[in-house]
């Protein structure tokens, strides 16, 4: 889900560009330019101070948790 949110947020800029912006008024185009500037940065979900939450981050965390749990179960 986190990757999908990031990808869809980047698609906003492309969708704005694909409109018939060149047929609109100057005021409308200024608003579109402001929206485009905001859409250049992808929306990401963050895991506190650890960085952006992506599929690879989640998999790495789950692998580490599994390894730690297995180590603790085998050491007893």
Protein backbone atom coordinates (compact mmCIF):
# COMPACT_ATOMS: atom_id res chain seq x y z
CA UNK A 1 0.00 0.00 0.00
CA UNK A 2 2.80 2.44 0.78
CA UNK A 3 4.38 1.99 -2.63
CA UNK A 4 1.00 2.46 -4.28
CA UNK A 5 0.47 5.76 -2.43
CA UNK A 6 3.87 6.98 -3.60
CA UNK A 7 3.26 5.93 -7.21
CA UNK A 8 -0.19 7.49 -7.33
CA UNK A 9 1.09 10.73 -5.84
CA UNK A 10 3.64 10.95 -8.65
CA UNK A 11 0.90 10.26 -11.19
CA UNK A 12 -0.88 13.47 -10.14
CA UNK A 13 1.68 15.63 -11.95
CA UNK A 14 1.32 13.61 -15.14
CA UNK A 15 -2.46 13.79 -14.96
CA UNK A 16 -2.36 17.57 -14.53
CA UNK A 17 -0.07 17.87 -17.53
CA UNK A 18 -2.33 15.65 -19.64
CA UNK A 19 -5.27 18.04 -19.24
CA UNK A 20 -6.03 20.67 -21.87
CA UNK A 21 -4.21 23.31 -19.83
CA UNK A 22 -3.19 25.25 -22.94
CA UNK A 23 -6.84 26.04 -23.69
CA UNK A 24 -7.48 27.59 -20.27
CA UNK A 25 -7.06 31.08 -18.87
CA UNK A 26 -3.82 32.43 -17.45
CA UNK A 27 -5.22 32.37 -13.90
CA UNK A 28 -6.17 28.70 -14.31
CA UNK A 29 -2.68 27.89 -15.62
CA UNK A 30 -1.05 29.61 -12.64
CA UNK A 31 -3.09 27.40 -10.31
CA UNK A 32 -2.08 24.32 -12.29
CA UNK A 33 1.57 25.32 -12.05
CA UNK A 34 1.26 25.59 -8.28
CA UNK A 35 -0.33 22.14 -8.18
CA UNK A 36 2.45 20.75 -10.38
CA UNK A 37 5.12 22.14 -8.08
CA UNK A 38 3.46 20.47 -5.11
CA UNK A 39 3.07 17.20 -6.99
CA UNK A 40 6.79 16.93 -7.80
CA UNK A 41 7.54 15.47 -4.36
CA UNK A 42 6.10 12.02 -3.81
CA UNK A 43 3.87 11.37 -0.82
CA UNK A 44 5.55 8.85 1.46
CA UNK A 45 4.63 7.24 4.73
CA UNK A 46 7.43 7.42 7.25
CA UNK A 47 8.43 5.07 10.05
CA UNK A 48 9.40 7.66 12.62
CA UNK A 49 13.09 8.56 12.35
CA UNK A 50 13.91 5.44 10.32
CA UNK A 51 12.88 6.73 6.90
CA UNK A 52 10.20 6.07 4.33
CA UNK A 53 8.07 2.95 4.56
CA UNK A 54 8.47 0.88 1.43
CA UNK A 55 7.97 -2.76 0.62
CA UNK A 56 11.69 -3.43 0.96
CA UNK A 57 11.79 -1.68 4.36
CA UNK A 58 8.89 -3.78 5.61
CA UNK A 59 10.48 -6.99 4.32
CA UNK A 60 13.81 -6.15 5.93
CA UNK A 61 12.11 -5.42 9.25
CA UNK A 62 10.11 -8.66 9.12
CA UNK A 63 13.20 -10.71 8.27
CA UNK A 64 15.12 -9.17 11.17
CA UNK A 65 12.22 -9.80 13.56
CA UNK A 66 11.93 -13.40 12.39
CA UNK A 67 15.69 -13.95 12.76
CA UNK A 68 15.64 -12.44 16.25
CA UNK A 69 12.63 -14.55 17.31
CA UNK A 70 14.24 -17.72 15.91
CA UNK A 71 17.50 -16.96 17.70
CA UNK A 72 15.70 -16.41 20.99
CA UNK A 73 13.66 -19.62 20.66
CA UNK A 74 16.75 -21.72 19.82
CA UNK A 75 18.91 -20.29 22.59
CA UNK A 76 16.48 -21.38 25.33
